[in-house]
Amino acid sequence: MIKRACWLIGLVGTLAMGSPVAAQDPVVFQHSQTSWQAEYWNNKTFTGLPVLTRSEANIDYDWGTGSPGPGVPADGFSARWTRYIELTAGTCRFTATSDDGMRVWVDGELIINMWYDHGPTTISADKSLAAGHHQVIVEYYENTVGAVARFSWAPVSTPALGWRGEYFNNTMLSGAPALVRDDAQVNFNWGAGSPAPGIGADGFSARWTRNLNLTAGMYRFTMTVDDGGRLWVNNYLLIDAWRDQSATTYTADIYLPAGTIPVKMEYYENAREAVAILSWSSGSTPPSPGAVVVDDTSAGFIKGGAAAGWRKCNSSSVASKSPHDSSQ
């Protein structure tokens, strides 16, 4: 971008000085590029000057045990591709496949980060973008044995069905996810295994999000986790079991209005077995207009308790209760 700006300034100055460039030739500033500006280093850390620089139409390579080009070793090298692309407004899905590490920035934001040794692994990330030109930078390194580097993007025409799963190589959901994918259900019993290539069998965390279209009424959510889990329904923390434990099942009831309901489940696995399961079912009909739901037959309000203590009453009867009554 800086080079292009300098080129324009130089051209304008040349024209002002009476350059032989024909006055009728238009000056076109094209931000989008039809190819990648590729740079290769003979080390894994982008140290020093690149040993090979060239334009490449696509990032679509399976070098196997070979070299990408003159001066680049078959193992222990790194590469960086830079390009501006023009997109229409909407959500775009970026997909990276690599062996070994790859990371991707869009407009300076790190959206894919699998910067570690691994076999061929594919990760995608969705990003909502305005119409116009966007800078994309892809970085890659090869350690040993096979070498694969592929990258592509495409508009997301319809929302993903099911859950959007984000997986992290730590127990705190911190940093950029190491894996982003669509999961049809949150119904996993990984045992002592891993959720996916590139994710550790222990010491990982995950977040699943989706919207549910529901009719008004009572709903019971059931979550089973080993180790920790927590569940938000309609932006309310309904179940909080964020601790090390063997597989344990939790249930909680909540009244939901009709419409689109956001649901988010977070999970972490510390060691040994790994289980993450979520389900829900509908219950009673919604209260009549002007009524509210109270819990005045249980021993005080019990967060996440059974709905057996809940009943419907009109607002005047609720208002007549003492403000010191804990059942409100």
Protein backbone atom coordinates (compact mmCIF):
# COMPACT_ATOMS: atom_id res chain seq x y z
CA MET A 1 0.00 0.00 0.00
CA ILE A 2 2.84 2.38 0.82
CA LYS A 3 4.69 1.41 -2.35
CA ARG A 4 1.61 2.11 -4.46
CA ALA A 5 1.11 5.52 -2.84
CA CYS A 6 4.77 6.41 -3.54
CA TRP A 7 4.37 5.28 -7.14
CA LEU A 8 1.42 7.61 -7.60
CA ILE A 9 3.29 10.58 -6.12
CA GLY A 10 6.24 9.92 -8.43
CA LEU A 11 3.99 9.63 -11.47
CA VAL A 12 2.18 12.89 -10.71
CA GLY A 13 5.54 14.65 -10.28
CA THR A 14 6.82 13.26 -13.58
CA LEU A 15 3.71 14.41 -15.42
CA ALA A 16 4.11 17.92 -13.98
CA MET A 17 7.69 18.05 -15.29
CA GLY A 18 6.68 17.20 -18.85
CA SER A 19 7.08 13.41 -18.92
CA PRO A 20 6.75 11.60 -22.24
CA VAL A 21 3.79 9.70 -20.71
CA ALA A 22 0.77 10.48 -22.89
CA ALA A 23 -1.72 12.79 -21.18
CA GLN A 24 -4.63 10.63 -22.31
CA ASP A 25 -3.37 7.53 -20.47
CA PRO A 26 -5.51 7.13 -17.34
CA VAL A 27 -3.86 6.75 -13.95
CA VAL A 28 -5.60 3.78 -12.32
CA PHE A 29 -5.04 3.01 -8.63
CA GLN A 30 -6.04 -0.63 -8.15
CA HIS A 31 -6.12 -1.66 -4.54
CA SER A 32 -7.18 -5.24 -5.28
CA GLN A 33 -4.54 -7.61 -6.55
CA THR A 34 -4.88 -10.63 -8.80
CA SER A 35 -1.98 -12.49 -7.22
CA TRP A 36 -0.18 -12.99 -3.93
CA GLN A 37 3.13 -11.34 -3.13
CA ALA A 38 5.05 -14.37 -1.82
CA GLU A 39 8.24 -14.32 0.25
CA TYR A 40 10.21 -17.39 1.36
CA TRP A 41 12.89 -17.69 4.07
CA ASN A 42 15.40 -20.48 4.65
CA ASN A 43 14.45 -20.54 8.35
CA LYS A 44 11.20 -20.94 10.32
CA THR A 45 11.26 -17.50 11.94
CA PHE A 46 11.26 -15.03 9.01
CA THR A 47 14.77 -13.98 10.03
CA GLY A 48 16.77 -11.85 7.63
CA LEU A 49 15.89 -11.18 4.02
CA PRO A 50 13.74 -13.64 2.05
CA VAL A 51 15.72 -15.95 -0.22
CA LEU A 52 12.90 -16.12 -2.78
CA THR A 53 10.28 -13.52 -3.76
CA ARG A 54 7.68 -14.02 -6.47
CA SER A 55 4.01 -13.50 -7.43
CA GLU A 56 1.70 -16.50 -7.03
CA ALA A 57 -1.85 -16.86 -8.32
CA ASN A 58 -3.01 -19.11 -5.47
CA ILE A 59 -1.88 -20.59 -2.17
CA ASP A 60 -2.49 -24.22 -3.05
CA TYR A 61 0.58 -26.35 -2.42
CA ASP A 62 1.44 -29.88 -1.43
CA TRP A 63 5.21 -29.93 -1.67
CA GLY A 64 5.49 -33.31 0.04
CA THR A 65 9.16 -33.70 0.94
CA GLY A 66 10.29 -31.27 -1.77
CA SER A 67 11.23 -27.59 -1.84
CA PRO A 68 9.00 -24.64 -2.82
CA GLY A 69 11.69 -23.18 -5.06
CA PRO A 70 15.34 -22.22 -5.63
CA GLY A 71 17.22 -21.40 -2.43
CA VAL A 72 14.47 -22.71 -0.15
CA PRO A 73 15.19 -25.92 1.77
CA ALA A 74 12.70 -28.79 1.83
CA ASP A 75 12.47 -28.55 5.64
CA GLY A 76 12.83 -25.71 8.11
CA PHE A 77 11.53 -22.87 5.94
CA SER A 78 8.84 -20.20 6.29
CA ALA A 79 6.70 -18.16 3.90
CA ARG A 80 4.50 -15.08 3.92
CA TRP A 81 1.81 -14.21 1.37
CA THR A 82 0.25 -10.73 1.19
CA ARG A 83 -2.65 -9.57 -0.93
CA TYR A 84 -5.57 -7.13 -1.10
CA ILE A 85 -8.91 -8.67 -2.08
CA GLU A 86 -12.20 -7.00 -2.93
CA LEU A 87 -15.33 -8.36 -1.23
CA THR A 88 -19.01 -7.57 -1.14
CA ALA A 89 -20.59 -6.80 2.23
CA GLY A 90 -21.43 -9.83 4.33
CA THR A 91 -19.85 -12.78 6.08
CA CYS A 92 -16.81 -14.38 4.47
CA ARG A 93 -15.41 -17.79 5.40
CA PHE A 94 -11.62 -18.11 5.32
CA THR A 95 -10.20 -21.65 5.19
CA ALA A 96 -6.60 -22.68 5.85
CA THR A 97 -5.00 -26.12 5.46
CA SER A 98 -1.43 -26.64 6.55
CA ASP A 99 1.35 -29.00 7.59
CA ASP A 100 2.95 -27.50 9.70
CA GLY A 101 1.99 -24.08 11.09
CA MET A 102 -0.21 -21.40 9.53
CA ARG A 103 -1.82 -18.16 10.73
CA VAL A 104 -4.04 -15.68 8.92
CA TRP A 105 -4.72 -11.97 9.43
CA VAL A 106 -7.58 -10.03 7.84
CA ASP A 107 -7.27 -6.25 8.12
CA GLY A 108 -4.76 -6.73 10.92
CA GLU A 109 -6.92 -9.13 12.97
CA LEU A 110 -5.60 -12.64 13.63
CA ILE A 111 -8.50 -14.92 12.69
CA ILE A 112 -6.74 -18.30 12.28
CA ASN A 113 -3.88 -19.41 14.49
CA MET A 114 -2.48 -22.94 14.25
CA TRP A 115 1.16 -22.01 14.77
CA TYR A 116 2.45 -25.41 15.88
CA ASP A 117 3.73 -28.63 14.34
CA HIS A 118 0.96 -30.87 13.01
CA GLY A 119 -0.08 -33.07 10.14
CA PRO A 120 -2.43 -31.74 7.42
CA THR A 121 -5.16 -29.85 9.30
CA THR A 122 -7.99 -27.63 8.04
CA ILE A 123 -9.45 -24.73 10.03
CA SER A 124 -12.01 -22.15 8.93
CA ALA A 125 -13.05 -18.82 10.41
CA ASP A 126 -16.00 -16.57 9.54
CA LYS A 127 -15.67 -12.79 9.56
CA SER A 128 -18.28 -10.12 8.82
CA LEU A 129 -16.79 -7.52 6.46
CA ALA A 130 -17.90 -4.32 4.80
CA ALA A 131 -17.82 -4.02 1.04
CA GLY A 132 -14.47 -2.97 -0.36
CA HIS A 133 -10.78 -3.86 -0.25
CA HIS A 134 -9.34 -5.94 2.58
CA GLN A 135 -5.76 -6.87 3.34
CA VAL A 136 -5.02 -10.58 3.90
CA ILE A 137 -1.71 -11.89 5.23
CA VAL A 138 -0.97 -15.62 5.44
CA GLU A 139 2.13 -16.89 7.24
CA TYR A 140 3.41 -20.46 7.17
CA TYR A 141 6.29 -22.56 8.38
CA GLU A 142 7.42 -26.09 7.59
CA ASN A 143 9.35 -28.11 10.15
CA THR A 144 10.01 -31.60 8.81
CA VAL A 145 8.57 -34.35 6.58
CA GLY A 146 5.45 -33.35 4.56
CA ALA A 147 4.72 -29.73 3.61
CA VAL A 148 1.20 -28.47 2.77
CA ALA A 149 -0.04 -24.88 2.47
CA ARG A 150 -3.53 -24.07 1.16
CA PHE A 151 -5.75 -21.03 1.67
CA SER A 152 -9.10 -19.92 0.24
CA TRP A 153 -12.14 -17.78 0.99
CA ALA A 154 -15.80 -17.70 0.00
CA PRO A 155 -18.95 -15.80 1.02
CA VAL A 156 -21.24 -17.50 3.53
CA SER A 157 -24.62 -17.33 1.80
CA THR A 158 -26.67 -18.93 4.57
CA PRO A 159 -26.15 -19.12 8.33
CA ALA A 160 -24.52 -22.30 9.57
CA LEU A 161 -26.94 -24.87 10.95
CA GLY A 162 -26.21 -26.14 14.41
CA TRP A 163 -23.49 -24.80 16.68
CA ARG A 164 -20.50 -22.63 15.98
CA GLY A 165 -17.67 -24.34 17.84
CA GLU A 166 -14.45 -22.58 18.87
CA TYR A 167 -11.67 -24.71 20.38
CA PHE A 168 -8.67 -23.42 22.35
CA ASN A 169 -5.41 -25.10 23.36
CA ASN A 170 -5.80 -23.86 26.94
CA THR A 171 -8.43 -24.21 29.67
CA MET A 172 -9.28 -20.48 29.80
CA LEU A 173 -10.78 -19.81 26.34
CA SER A 174 -7.98 -17.28 25.88
CA GLY A 175 -6.44 -15.96 22.68
CA ALA A 176 -7.53 -16.81 19.17
CA PRO A 177 -9.16 -20.24 18.79
CA ALA A 178 -6.94 -22.97 17.40
CA LEU A 179 -9.94 -24.49 15.61
CA VAL A 180 -13.27 -23.05 14.46
CA ARG A 181 -15.91 -25.34 12.96
CA ASP A 182 -19.65 -26.04 12.74
CA ASP A 183 -20.90 -28.76 15.08
CA ALA A 184 -24.34 -30.27 14.44
CA GLN A 185 -24.78 -30.98 18.16
CA VAL A 186 -22.98 -30.53 21.45
CA ASN A 187 -22.89 -34.24 22.11
CA PHE A 188 -19.31 -35.35 22.67
CA ASN A 189 -17.66 -38.11 24.66
CA TRP A 190 -14.02 -37.91 23.60
CA GLY A 191 -12.82 -40.21 26.36
CA ALA A 192 -9.06 -39.80 26.57
CA GLY A 193 -8.88 -38.54 22.98
CA SER A 194 -8.78 -35.14 21.28
CA PRO A 195 -11.67 -33.20 19.71
CA ALA A 196 -9.69 -32.71 16.48
CA PRO A 197 -6.18 -32.68 15.04
CA GLY A 198 -4.20 -29.81 16.51
CA ILE A 199 -6.17 -29.80 19.79
CA GLY A 200 -4.62 -31.47 22.82
CA ALA A 201 -6.39 -34.39 24.46
CA ASP A 202 -6.06 -32.57 27.80
CA GLY A 203 -5.89 -28.93 28.78
CA PHE A 204 -8.27 -27.53 26.16
CA SER A 205 -11.48 -25.50 26.20
CA ALA A 206 -14.37 -24.86 23.83
CA ARG A 207 -17.22 -22.45 23.27
CA TRP A 208 -20.41 -23.25 21.35
CA THR A 209 -22.94 -20.60 20.28
CA ARG A 210 -26.19 -20.61 18.34
CA ASN A 211 -29.67 -19.06 18.21
CA LEU A 212 -32.79 -21.11 18.90
CA ASN A 213 -36.21 -20.17 17.50
CA LEU A 214 -38.64 -21.09 20.27
CA THR A 215 -42.25 -20.61 21.23
CA ALA A 216 -42.95 -19.05 24.62
CA GLY A 217 -42.91 -21.43 27.56
CA MET A 218 -40.85 -23.25 30.17
CA TYR A 219 -37.74 -25.06 28.98
CA ARG A 220 -35.46 -27.52 30.73
CA PHE A 221 -31.78 -27.54 29.77
CA THR A 222 -29.58 -30.52 30.61
CA MET A 223 -25.79 -30.32 30.54
CA THR A 224 -23.30 -33.13 31.20
CA VAL A 225 -19.62 -32.23 31.52
CA ASP A 226 -16.24 -33.66 32.50
CA ASP A 227 -14.62 -31.30 33.52
CA GLY A 228 -16.13 -27.81 33.74
CA GLY A 229 -19.05 -26.24 31.94
CA ARG A 230 -21.36 -23.24 32.07
CA LEU A 231 -24.45 -22.36 30.11
CA TRP A 232 -26.05 -19.05 29.17
CA VAL A 233 -29.63 -19.01 27.87
CA ASN A 234 -31.08 -15.73 26.61
CA ASN A 235 -27.97 -14.02 28.06
CA TYR A 236 -28.66 -15.43 31.53
CA LEU A 237 -26.12 -17.69 33.26
CA LEU A 238 -28.38 -20.67 33.84
CA ILE A 239 -25.86 -23.37 34.86
CA ASP A 240 -22.44 -22.71 36.37
CA ALA A 241 -20.34 -25.84 36.95
CA TRP A 242 -16.89 -24.44 36.17
CA ARG A 243 -14.72 -26.91 38.11
CA ASP A 244 -12.81 -30.16 37.76
CA GLN A 245 -15.15 -33.14 38.05
CA SER A 246 -16.00 -36.52 36.63
CA ALA A 247 -18.96 -36.68 34.24
CA THR A 248 -21.80 -34.89 36.03
CA THR A 249 -25.28 -33.96 34.76
CA TYR A 250 -26.96 -30.65 35.62
CA THR A 251 -30.51 -29.52 34.80
CA ALA A 252 -32.16 -26.11 35.07
CA ASP A 253 -35.50 -24.66 34.02
CA ILE A 254 -36.15 -21.25 32.56
CA TYR A 255 -39.16 -19.42 31.14
CA LEU A 256 -38.44 -18.07 27.64
CA PRO A 257 -40.45 -15.68 25.47
CA ALA A 258 -41.22 -16.48 21.86
CA GLY A 259 -38.61 -15.60 19.27
CA THR A 260 -34.87 -15.93 18.77
CA ILE A 261 -33.03 -17.07 21.90
CA PRO A 262 -29.21 -16.91 22.07
CA VAL A 263 -27.55 -19.92 23.73
CA LYS A 264 -23.89 -20.20 24.69
CA MET A 265 -22.07 -23.10 26.33
CA GLU A 266 -18.47 -22.94 27.53
CA TYR A 267 -16.42 -25.97 28.50
CA TYR A 268 -12.96 -26.97 29.60
CA GLU A 269 -11.14 -30.28 29.92
CA ASN A 270 -8.33 -30.60 32.44
CA ALA A 271 -7.17 -34.22 32.39
CA ARG A 272 -8.23 -37.79 31.65
CA GLU A 273 -11.82 -38.21 30.36
CA ALA A 274 -13.58 -35.49 28.34
CA VAL A 275 -17.38 -35.19 28.02
CA ALA A 276 -19.54 -32.26 26.80
CA ILE A 277 -23.26 -32.86 26.16
CA LEU A 278 -26.17 -30.40 26.00
CA SER A 279 -29.87 -30.93 25.35
CA TRP A 280 -33.18 -29.19 26.08
CA SER A 281 -36.92 -29.88 26.08
CA SER A 282 -40.06 -27.77 26.27
CA GLY A 283 -42.33 -27.75 29.31
CA SER A 284 -45.50 -25.94 30.34
CA THR A 285 -47.41 -23.29 28.40
CA PRO A 286 -46.59 -19.62 28.90
CA PRO A 287 -48.34 -17.56 31.60
CA SER A 288 -51.50 -15.72 30.67
CA PRO A 289 -51.22 -11.97 29.90
CA GLY A 290 -50.58 -9.88 33.00
CA ALA A 291 -49.24 -12.86 34.98
CA VAL A 292 -45.75 -13.47 36.26
CA VAL A 293 -43.87 -16.59 37.31
CA VAL A 294 -42.92 -16.85 40.98
CA ASP A 295 -41.45 -19.52 43.23
CA ASP A 296 -43.23 -19.48 46.57
CA THR A 297 -43.63 -23.17 47.37
CA SER A 298 -39.93 -24.00 47.58
CA ALA A 299 -37.75 -23.20 50.60
CA GLY A 300 -36.74 -19.84 49.16
CA PHE A 301 -35.79 -19.29 45.56
CA ILE A 302 -33.55 -22.07 44.31
CA LYS A 303 -31.43 -21.12 41.34
CA GLY A 304 -31.63 -23.96 38.86
CA GLY A 305 -34.07 -25.81 41.10
CA ALA A 306 -37.00 -27.95 39.99
CA ALA A 307 -39.92 -26.14 38.38
CA ALA A 308 -42.33 -27.93 40.76
CA GLY A 309 -42.22 -24.91 43.08
CA TRP A 310 -43.12 -22.45 40.35
CA ARG A 311 -46.64 -21.15 39.77
CA LYS A 312 -48.41 -18.35 37.95
CA CYS A 313 -50.17 -15.47 39.67
CA ASN A 314 -51.27 -11.97 38.73
CA SER A 315 -49.15 -8.95 39.43
CA SER A 316 -51.37 -7.65 42.27
CA SER A 317 -50.88 -10.78 44.37
CA VAL A 318 -47.12 -10.54 43.88
CA ALA A 319 -47.13 -6.89 44.91
CA SER A 320 -49.03 -7.74 48.12
CA LYS A 321 -46.24 -10.03 49.30
CA SER A 322 -43.78 -8.72 51.85
CA PRO A 323 -40.56 -7.31 50.36
CA HIS A 324 -38.73 -9.49 52.89
CA ASP A 325 -40.26 -12.68 51.51
CA SER A 326 -37.31 -14.57 49.99
CA SER A 327 -39.64 -16.56 47.71
CA GLN A 328 -39.95 -13.53 45.45
